[in-house]
Amino acid sequence: MYTTMQKIWRGDLFPSSEEGAQQKKSLELCELIERHTKTLSQTLSKEEKETLEKLEDAFLEWISIDCEDAFIKGFSLGIKLSAEALTND
């Protein structure tokens, strides 16, 4: 059985090394979504706009849940690394 450090070294676990690039791409995608949503919203009826708003709300809730899960998993991985660093010679 491999330790967490060994798994990272062997490529089984990998922390992101492109955070800056990912953040830039994320911002670009948010701007794109916002622009298309605004354009689409201008062509919709009142009822359709309400449906679009409900879709946006559900999407934002899903993203929130997914981000929380990613945070928890990342934090747990950090704790495992810390624990193994303290127990391994």
PDB file of N, CA and C in Angstrom:
ATOM      1  N   MET A   1       0.834  -1.178   0.000  1.00  0.00           N
ATOM      2  CA  MET A   1       0.000   0.000   0.000  1.00  0.00           C
ATOM      3  C   MET A   1       0.881   1.245   0.000  1.00  0.00           C
ATOM      4  N   TYR A   2       0.580   2.180  -0.912  1.00  0.00           N
ATOM      5  CA  TYR A   2       1.389   3.391  -1.035  1.00  0.00           C
ATOM      6  C   TYR A   2       0.894   4.490  -0.094  1.00  0.00           C
ATOM      7  N   THR A   3       1.836   5.312   0.347  1.00  0.00           N
ATOM      8  CA  THR A   3       1.455   6.474   1.144  1.00  0.00           C
ATOM      9  C   THR A   3       0.919   7.549   0.195  1.00  0.00           C
ATOM     10  N   THR A   4       0.299   8.557   0.752  1.00  0.00           N
ATOM     11  CA  THR A   4      -0.244   9.648  -0.056  1.00  0.00           C
ATOM     12  C   THR A   4       0.860  10.327  -0.847  1.00  0.00           C
ATOM     13  N   MET A   5       2.000  10.546  -0.229  1.00  0.00           N
ATOM     14  CA  MET A   5       3.136  11.166  -0.935  1.00  0.00           C
ATOM     15  C   MET A   5       3.571  10.302  -2.117  1.00  0.00           C
ATOM     16  N   GLN A   6       3.618   9.004  -1.931  1.00  0.00           N
ATOM     17  CA  GLN A   6       3.998   8.108  -3.019  1.00  0.00           C
ATOM     18  C   GLN A   6       2.969   8.151  -4.149  1.00  0.00           C
ATOM     19  N   LYS A   7       1.696   8.218  -3.790  1.00  0.00           N
ATOM     20  CA  LYS A   7       0.646   8.298  -4.809  1.00  0.00           C
ATOM     21  C   LYS A   7       0.781   9.573  -5.641  1.00  0.00           C
ATOM     22  N   ILE A   8       1.102  10.686  -4.974  1.00  0.00           N
ATOM     23  CA  ILE A   8       1.309  11.935  -5.704  1.00  0.00           C
ATOM     24  C   ILE A   8       2.519  11.794  -6.624  1.00  0.00           C
ATOM     25  N   TRP A   9       3.620  11.251  -6.110  1.00  0.00           N
ATOM     26  CA  TRP A   9       4.836  11.081  -6.890  1.00  0.00           C
ATOM     27  C   TRP A   9       4.600  10.181  -8.102  1.00  0.00           C
ATOM     28  N   ARG A  10       3.826   9.127  -7.943  1.00  0.00           N
ATOM     29  CA  ARG A  10       3.565   8.178  -9.028  1.00  0.00           C
ATOM     30  C   ARG A  10       2.474   8.660  -9.991  1.00  0.00           C
ATOM     31  N   GLY A  11       1.829   9.779  -9.653  1.00  0.00           N
ATOM     32  CA  GLY A  11       0.813  10.329 -10.539  1.00  0.00           C
ATOM     33  C   GLY A  11      -0.596   9.830 -10.279  1.00  0.00           C
ATOM     34  N   ASP A  12      -0.788   9.073  -9.198  1.00  0.00           N
ATOM     35  CA  ASP A  12      -2.128   8.600  -8.870  1.00  0.00           C
ATOM     36  C   ASP A  12      -2.975   9.712  -8.258  1.00  0.00           C
ATOM     37  N   LEU A  13      -2.341  10.646  -7.579  1.00  0.00           N
ATOM     38  CA  LEU A  13      -2.970  11.852  -7.041  1.00  0.00           C
ATOM     39  C   LEU A  13      -2.159  13.026  -7.551  1.00  0.00           C
ATOM     40  N   PHE A  14      -2.818  14.088  -7.958  1.00  0.00           N
ATOM     41  CA  PHE A  14      -2.036  15.216  -8.440  1.00  0.00           C
ATOM     42  C   PHE A  14      -2.710  16.539  -8.113  1.00  0.00           C
ATOM     43  N   PRO A  15      -2.011  17.358  -7.326  1.00  0.00           N
ATOM     44  CA  PRO A  15      -2.512  18.707  -7.074  1.00  0.00           C
ATOM     45  C   PRO A  15      -2.344  19.538  -8.341  1.00  0.00           C
ATOM     46  N   SER A  16      -3.204  20.523  -8.507  1.00  0.00           N
ATOM     47  CA  SER A  16      -3.145  21.364  -9.704  1.00  0.00           C
ATOM     48  C   SER A  16      -1.906  22.240  -9.687  1.00  0.00           C
ATOM     49  N   SER A  17      -1.208  22.262 -10.799  1.00  0.00           N
ATOM     50  CA  SER A  17      -0.051  23.142 -10.921  1.00  0.00           C
ATOM     51  C   SER A  17      -0.383  24.331 -11.817  1.00  0.00           C
ATOM     52  N   GLU A  18      -1.634  24.426 -12.275  1.00  0.00           N
ATOM     53  CA  GLU A  18      -2.021  25.492 -13.188  1.00  0.00           C
ATOM     54  C   GLU A  18      -3.156  26.338 -12.612  1.00  0.00           C
ATOM     55  N   GLU A  19      -3.083  26.640 -11.324  1.00  0.00           N
ATOM     56  CA  GLU A  19      -4.156  27.389 -10.700  1.00  0.00           C
ATOM     57  C   GLU A  19      -4.413  28.721 -11.372  1.00  0.00           C
ATOM     58  N   GLY A  20      -3.371  29.452 -11.680  1.00  0.00           N
ATOM     59  CA  GLY A  20      -3.538  30.750 -12.334  1.00  0.00           C
ATOM     60  C   GLY A  20      -4.238  30.629 -13.663  1.00  0.00           C
ATOM     61  N   ALA A  21      -3.823  29.676 -14.470  1.00  0.00           N
ATOM     62  CA  ALA A  21      -4.443  29.459 -15.783  1.00  0.00           C
ATOM     63  C   ALA A  21      -5.894  29.025 -15.617  1.00  0.00           C
ATOM     64  N   GLN A  22      -6.155  28.193 -14.621  1.00  0.00           N
ATOM     65  CA  GLN A  22      -7.516  27.731 -14.389  1.00  0.00           C
ATOM     66  C   GLN A  22      -8.403  28.879 -13.943  1.00  0.00           C
ATOM     67  N   GLN A  23      -7.891  29.742 -13.093  1.00  0.00           N
ATOM     68  CA  GLN A  23      -8.678  30.881 -12.622  1.00  0.00           C
ATOM     69  C   GLN A  23      -9.003  31.824 -13.778  1.00  0.00           C
ATOM     70  N   LYS A  24      -8.038  32.046 -14.658  1.00  0.00           N
ATOM     71  CA  LYS A  24      -8.258  32.918 -15.814  1.00  0.00           C
ATOM     72  C   LYS A  24      -9.321  32.308 -16.721  1.00  0.00           C
ATOM     73  N   LYS A  25      -9.210  31.025 -16.982  1.00  0.00           N
ATOM     74  CA  LYS A  25     -10.185  30.341 -17.837  1.00  0.00           C
ATOM     75  C   LYS A  25     -11.568  30.363 -17.185  1.00  0.00           C
ATOM     76  N   SER A  26     -11.617  30.190 -15.883  1.00  0.00           N
ATOM     77  CA  SER A  26     -12.884  30.224 -15.162  1.00  0.00           C
ATOM     78  C   SER A  26     -13.546  31.594 -15.303  1.00  0.00           C
ATOM     79  N   LEU A  27     -12.779  32.657 -15.153  1.00  0.00           N
ATOM     80  CA  LEU A  27     -13.327  34.003 -15.315  1.00  0.00           C
ATOM     81  C   LEU A  27     -13.830  34.236 -16.734  1.00  0.00           C
ATOM     82  N   GLU A  28     -13.082  33.756 -17.711  1.00  0.00           N
ATOM     83  CA  GLU A  28     -13.496  33.890 -19.107  1.00  0.00           C
ATOM     84  C   GLU A  28     -14.819  33.161 -19.353  1.00  0.00           C
ATOM     85  N   LEU A  29     -14.943  31.973 -18.790  1.00  0.00           N
ATOM     86  CA  LEU A  29     -16.178  31.211 -18.962  1.00  0.00           C
ATOM     87  C   LEU A  29     -17.353  31.885 -18.262  1.00  0.00           C
ATOM     88  N   CYS A  30     -17.116  32.445 -17.082  1.00  0.00           N
ATOM     89  CA  CYS A  30     -18.188  33.176 -16.373  1.00  0.00           C
ATOM     90  C   CYS A  30     -18.665  34.358 -17.209  1.00  0.00           C
ATOM     91  N   GLU A  31     -17.737  35.098 -17.778  1.00  0.00           N
ATOM     92  CA  GLU A  31     -18.106  36.238 -18.624  1.00  0.00           C
ATOM     93  C   GLU A  31     -18.889  35.773 -19.851  1.00  0.00           C
ATOM     94  N   LEU A  32     -18.476  34.676 -20.447  1.00  0.00           N
ATOM     95  CA  LEU A  32     -19.164  34.125 -21.615  1.00  0.00           C
ATOM     96  C   LEU A  32     -20.586  33.698 -21.254  1.00  0.00           C
ATOM     97  N   ILE A  33     -20.731  33.001 -20.144  1.00  0.00           N
ATOM     98  CA  ILE A  33     -22.060  32.565 -19.687  1.00  0.00           C
ATOM     99  C   ILE A  33     -22.943  33.778 -19.417  1.00  0.00           C
ATOM    100  N   GLU A  34     -22.389  34.770 -18.751  1.00  0.00           N
ATOM    101  CA  GLU A  34     -23.151  35.979 -18.431  1.00  0.00           C
ATOM    102  C   GLU A  34     -23.610  36.691 -19.699  1.00  0.00           C
ATOM    103  N   ARG A  35     -22.722  36.811 -20.661  1.00  0.00           N
ATOM    104  CA  ARG A  35     -23.055  37.492 -21.919  1.00  0.00           C
ATOM    105  C   ARG A  35     -24.149  36.740 -22.682  1.00  0.00           C
ATOM    106  N   HIS A  36     -24.024  35.421 -22.775  1.00  0.00           N
ATOM    107  CA  HIS A  36     -25.022  34.633 -23.496  1.00  0.00           C
ATOM    108  C   HIS A  36     -26.363  34.611 -22.761  1.00  0.00           C
ATOM    109  N   THR A  37     -26.312  34.573 -21.431  1.00  0.00           N
ATOM    110  CA  THR A  37     -27.546  34.594 -20.644  1.00  0.00           C
ATOM    111  C   THR A  37     -28.279  35.911 -20.867  1.00  0.00           C
ATOM    112  N   LYS A  38     -27.547  37.004 -20.876  1.00  0.00           N
ATOM    113  CA  LYS A  38     -28.154  38.323 -21.095  1.00  0.00           C
ATOM    114  C   LYS A  38     -28.767  38.394 -22.492  1.00  0.00           C
ATOM    115  N   THR A  39     -28.045  37.920 -23.488  1.00  0.00           N
ATOM    116  CA  THR A  39     -28.558  37.924 -24.857  1.00  0.00           C
ATOM    117  C   THR A  39     -29.813  37.066 -24.973  1.00  0.00           C
ATOM    118  N   LEU A  40     -29.760  35.889 -24.402  1.00  0.00           N
ATOM    119  CA  LEU A  40     -30.910  34.986 -24.440  1.00  0.00           C
ATOM    120  C   LEU A  40     -32.097  35.579 -23.704  1.00  0.00           C
ATOM    121  N   SER A  41     -31.847  36.171 -22.559  1.00  0.00           N
ATOM    122  CA  SER A  41     -32.904  36.739 -21.725  1.00  0.00           C
ATOM    123  C   SER A  41     -33.683  37.823 -22.478  1.00  0.00           C
ATOM    124  N   GLN A  42     -33.004  38.562 -23.324  1.00  0.00           N
ATOM    125  CA  GLN A  42     -33.648  39.640 -24.075  1.00  0.00           C
ATOM    126  C   GLN A  42     -34.663  39.121 -25.088  1.00  0.00           C
ATOM    127  N   THR A  43     -34.566  37.858 -25.448  1.00  0.00           N
ATOM    128  CA  THR A  43     -35.468  37.301 -26.458  1.00  0.00           C
ATOM    129  C   THR A  43     -36.602  36.485 -25.855  1.00  0.00           C
ATOM    130  N   LEU A  44     -36.622  36.345 -24.527  1.00  0.00           N
ATOM    131  CA  LEU A  44     -37.588  35.466 -23.873  1.00  0.00           C
ATOM    132  C   LEU A  44     -38.813  36.218 -23.359  1.00  0.00           C
ATOM    133  N   SER A  45     -39.901  35.478 -23.265  1.00  0.00           N
ATOM    134  CA  SER A  45     -41.103  36.019 -22.638  1.00  0.00           C
ATOM    135  C   SER A  45     -40.896  36.060 -21.125  1.00  0.00           C
ATOM    136  N   LYS A  46     -41.828  36.658 -20.413  1.00  0.00           N
ATOM    137  CA  LYS A  46     -41.741  36.749 -18.964  1.00  0.00           C
ATOM    138  C   LYS A  46     -41.655  35.360 -18.336  1.00  0.00           C
ATOM    139  N   GLU A  47     -42.496  34.440 -18.777  1.00  0.00           N
ATOM    140  CA  GLU A  47     -42.507  33.076 -18.230  1.00  0.00           C
ATOM    141  C   GLU A  47     -41.196  32.352 -18.535  1.00  0.00           C
ATOM    142  N   GLU A  48     -40.697  32.549 -19.732  1.00  0.00           N
ATOM    143  CA  GLU A  48     -39.433  31.909 -20.113  1.00  0.00           C
ATOM    144  C   GLU A  48     -38.264  32.479 -19.297  1.00  0.00           C
ATOM    145  N   LYS A  49     -38.300  33.783 -19.023  1.00  0.00           N
ATOM    146  CA  LYS A  49     -37.257  34.406 -18.191  1.00  0.00           C
ATOM    147  C   LYS A  49     -37.285  33.820 -16.784  1.00  0.00           C
ATOM    148  N   GLU A  50     -38.492  33.581 -16.257  1.00  0.00           N
ATOM    149  CA  GLU A  50     -38.602  32.971 -14.941  1.00  0.00           C
ATOM    150  C   GLU A  50     -38.012  31.568 -14.939  1.00  0.00           C
ATOM    151  N   THR A  51     -38.259  30.819 -16.002  1.00  0.00           N
ATOM    152  CA  THR A  51     -37.683  29.476 -16.122  1.00  0.00           C
ATOM    153  C   THR A  51     -36.167  29.548 -16.198  1.00  0.00           C
ATOM    154  N   LEU A  52     -35.641  30.510 -16.957  1.00  0.00           N
ATOM    155  CA  LEU A  52     -34.191  30.694 -17.060  1.00  0.00           C
ATOM    156  C   LEU A  52     -33.605  31.047 -15.695  1.00  0.00           C
ATOM    157  N   GLU A  53     -34.275  31.901 -14.937  1.00  0.00           N
ATOM    158  CA  GLU A  53     -33.797  32.263 -13.599  1.00  0.00           C
ATOM    159  C   GLU A  53     -33.781  31.049 -12.673  1.00  0.00           C
ATOM    160  N   LYS A  54     -34.798  30.204 -12.771  1.00  0.00           N
ATOM    161  CA  LYS A  54     -34.826  28.977 -11.961  1.00  0.00           C
ATOM    162  C   LYS A  54     -33.677  28.058 -12.351  1.00  0.00           C
ATOM    163  N   LEU A  55     -33.395  27.975 -13.641  1.00  0.00           N
ATOM    164  CA  LEU A  55     -32.267  27.165 -14.112  1.00  0.00           C
ATOM    165  C   LEU A  55     -30.958  27.713 -13.580  1.00  0.00           C
ATOM    166  N   GLU A  56     -30.799  29.036 -13.634  1.00  0.00           N
ATOM    167  CA  GLU A  56     -29.583  29.663 -13.102  1.00  0.00           C
ATOM    168  C   GLU A  56     -29.435  29.394 -11.606  1.00  0.00           C
ATOM    169  N   ASP A  57     -30.533  29.530 -10.853  1.00  0.00           N
ATOM    170  CA  ASP A  57     -30.491  29.276  -9.410  1.00  0.00           C
ATOM    171  C   ASP A  57     -30.080  27.839  -9.107  1.00  0.00           C
ATOM    172  N   ALA A  58     -30.660  26.888  -9.848  1.00  0.00           N
ATOM    173  CA  ALA A  58     -30.320  25.477  -9.639  1.00  0.00           C
ATOM    174  C   ALA A  58     -28.857  25.221  -9.995  1.00  0.00           C
ATOM    175  N   PHE A  59     -28.387  25.841 -11.070  1.00  0.00           N
ATOM    176  CA  PHE A  59     -26.996  25.678 -11.490  1.00  0.00           C
ATOM    177  C   PHE A  59     -26.042  26.227 -10.434  1.00  0.00           C
ATOM    178  N   LEU A  60     -26.363  27.406  -9.881  1.00  0.00           N
ATOM    179  CA  LEU A  60     -25.509  27.999  -8.849  1.00  0.00           C
ATOM    180  C   LEU A  60     -25.497  27.156  -7.576  1.00  0.00           C
ATOM    181  N   GLU A  61     -26.625  26.586  -7.234  1.00  0.00           N
ATOM    182  CA  GLU A  61     -26.678  25.709  -6.059  1.00  0.00           C
ATOM    183  C   GLU A  61     -25.826  24.467  -6.288  1.00  0.00           C
ATOM    184  N   TRP A  62     -25.910  23.905  -7.486  1.00  0.00           N
ATOM    185  CA  TRP A  62     -25.113  22.721  -7.829  1.00  0.00           C
ATOM    186  C   TRP A  62     -23.615  23.050  -7.754  1.00  0.00           C
ATOM    187  N   ILE A  63     -23.231  24.196  -8.293  1.00  0.00           N
ATOM    188  CA  ILE A  63     -21.818  24.605  -8.249  1.00  0.00           C
ATOM    189  C   ILE A  63     -21.358  24.759  -6.803  1.00  0.00           C
ATOM    190  N   SER A  64     -22.196  25.353  -5.970  1.00  0.00           N
ATOM    191  CA  SER A  64     -21.854  25.540  -4.569  1.00  0.00           C
ATOM    192  C   SER A  64     -21.613  24.200  -3.876  1.00  0.00           C
ATOM    193  N   ILE A  65     -22.497  23.263  -4.110  1.00  0.00           N
ATOM    194  CA  ILE A  65     -22.356  21.927  -3.515  1.00  0.00           C
ATOM    195  C   ILE A  65     -21.094  21.243  -4.031  1.00  0.00           C
ATOM    196  N   ASP A  66     -20.842  21.353  -5.332  1.00  0.00           N
ATOM    197  CA  ASP A  66     -19.674  20.712  -5.937  1.00  0.00           C
ATOM    198  C   ASP A  66     -18.374  21.326  -5.413  1.00  0.00           C
ATOM    199  N   CYS A  67     -18.345  22.648  -5.269  1.00  0.00           N
ATOM    200  CA  CYS A  67     -17.144  23.316  -4.751  1.00  0.00           C
ATOM    201  C   CYS A  67     -16.889  22.944  -3.294  1.00  0.00           C
ATOM    202  N   GLU A  68     -17.952  22.863  -2.518  1.00  0.00           N
ATOM    203  CA  GLU A  68     -17.798  22.459  -1.118  1.00  0.00           C
ATOM    204  C   GLU A  68     -17.215  21.050  -1.039  1.00  0.00           C
ATOM    205  N   ASP A  69     -17.714  20.159  -1.875  1.00  0.00           N
ATOM    206  CA  ASP A  69     -17.207  18.789  -1.890  1.00  0.00           C
ATOM    207  C   ASP A  69     -15.728  18.758  -2.279  1.00  0.00           C
ATOM    208  N   ALA A  70     -15.352  19.557  -3.282  1.00  0.00           N
ATOM    209  CA  ALA A  70     -13.943  19.608  -3.696  1.00  0.00           C
ATOM    210  C   ALA A  70     -13.064  20.150  -2.575  1.00  0.00           C
ATOM    211  N   PHE A  71     -13.554  21.162  -1.857  1.00  0.00           N
ATOM    212  CA  PHE A  71     -12.810  21.718  -0.732  1.00  0.00           C
ATOM    213  C   PHE A  71     -12.598  20.660   0.345  1.00  0.00           C
ATOM    214  N   ILE A  72     -13.665  19.951   0.679  1.00  0.00           N
ATOM    215  CA  ILE A  72     -13.575  18.925   1.727  1.00  0.00           C
ATOM    216  C   ILE A  72     -12.576  17.844   1.323  1.00  0.00           C
ATOM    217  N   LYS A  73     -12.640  17.395   0.074  1.00  0.00           N
ATOM    218  CA  LYS A  73     -11.712  16.364  -0.394  1.00  0.00           C
ATOM    219  C   LYS A  73     -10.272  16.874  -0.377  1.00  0.00           C
ATOM    220  N   GLY A  74     -10.071  18.117  -0.800  1.00  0.00           N
ATOM    221  CA  GLY A  74      -8.723  18.691  -0.789  1.00  0.00           C
ATOM    222  C   GLY A  74      -8.180  18.858   0.615  1.00  0.00           C
ATOM    223  N   PHE A  75      -9.018  19.314   1.505  1.00  0.00           N
ATOM    224  CA  PHE A  75      -8.611  19.481   2.897  1.00  0.00           C
ATOM    225  C   PHE A  75      -8.269  18.123   3.508  1.00  0.00           C
ATOM    226  N   SER A  76      -9.087  17.125   3.227  1.00  0.00           N
ATOM    227  CA  SER A  76      -8.823  15.776   3.745  1.00  0.00           C
ATOM    228  C   SER A  76      -7.496  15.242   3.223  1.00  0.00           C
ATOM    229  N   LEU A  77      -7.206  15.506   1.964  1.00  0.00           N
ATOM    230  CA  LEU A  77      -5.932  15.075   1.388  1.00  0.00           C
ATOM    231  C   LEU A  77      -4.775  15.769   2.100  1.00  0.00           C
ATOM    232  N   GLY A  78      -4.930  17.068   2.382  1.00  0.00           N
ATOM    233  CA  GLY A  78      -3.887  17.797   3.109  1.00  0.00           C
ATOM    234  C   GLY A  78      -3.654  17.234   4.501  1.00  0.00           C
ATOM    235  N   ILE A  79      -4.719  16.876   5.179  1.00  0.00           N
ATOM    236  CA  ILE A  79      -4.589  16.277   6.513  1.00  0.00           C
ATOM    237  C   ILE A  79      -3.868  14.937   6.433  1.00  0.00           C
ATOM    238  N   LYS A  80      -4.201  14.131   5.417  1.00  0.00           N
ATOM    239  CA  LYS A  80      -3.528  12.836   5.247  1.00  0.00           C
ATOM    240  C   LYS A  80      -2.041  13.032   5.037  1.00  0.00           C
ATOM    241  N   LEU A  81      -1.694  14.023   4.193  1.00  0.00           N
ATOM    242  CA  LEU A  81      -0.278  14.308   3.947  1.00  0.00           C
ATOM    243  C   LEU A  81       0.429  14.727   5.238  1.00  0.00           C
ATOM    244  N   SER A  82      -0.224  15.590   6.008  1.00  0.00           N
ATOM    245  CA  SER A  82       0.354  16.041   7.277  1.00  0.00           C
ATOM    246  C   SER A  82       0.544  14.891   8.244  1.00  0.00           C
ATOM    247  N   ALA A  83      -0.467  14.055   8.366  1.00  0.00           N
ATOM    248  CA  ALA A  83      -0.389  12.924   9.288  1.00  0.00           C
ATOM    249  C   ALA A  83       0.721  11.967   8.872  1.00  0.00           C
ATOM    250  N   GLU A  84       0.818  11.702   7.581  1.00  0.00           N
ATOM    251  CA  GLU A  84       1.871  10.785   7.112  1.00  0.00           C
ATOM    252  C   GLU A  84       3.261  11.385   7.283  1.00  0.00           C
ATOM    253  N   ALA A  85       3.376  12.693   7.097  1.00  0.00           N
ATOM    254  CA  ALA A  85       4.673  13.355   7.265  1.00  0.00           C
ATOM    255  C   ALA A  85       5.138  13.272   8.714  1.00  0.00           C
ATOM    256  N   LEU A  86       4.211  13.293   9.638  1.00  0.00           N
ATOM    257  CA  LEU A  86       4.558  13.229  11.053  1.00  0.00           C
ATOM    258  C   LEU A  86       4.841  11.804  11.525  1.00  0.00           C
ATOM    259  N   THR A  87       4.308  10.799  10.826  1.00  0.00           N
ATOM    260  CA  THR A  87       4.470   9.417  11.289  1.00  0.00           C
ATOM    261  C   THR A  87       5.550   8.643  10.543  1.00  0.00           C
ATOM    262  N   ASN A  88       5.964   9.129   9.376  1.00  0.00           N
ATOM    263  CA  ASN A  88       6.989   8.422   8.601  1.00  0.00           C
ATOM    264  C   ASN A  88       8.387   8.918   8.962  1.00  0.00           C
ATOM    265  N   ASP A  89       9.300   7.998   8.958  1.00  0.00           N
ATOM    266  CA  ASP A  89      10.702   8.365   9.268  1.00  0.00           C
ATOM    267  C   ASP A  89      11.430   8.794   8.027  1.00  0.00           C
TER     268      ASP A  89
END
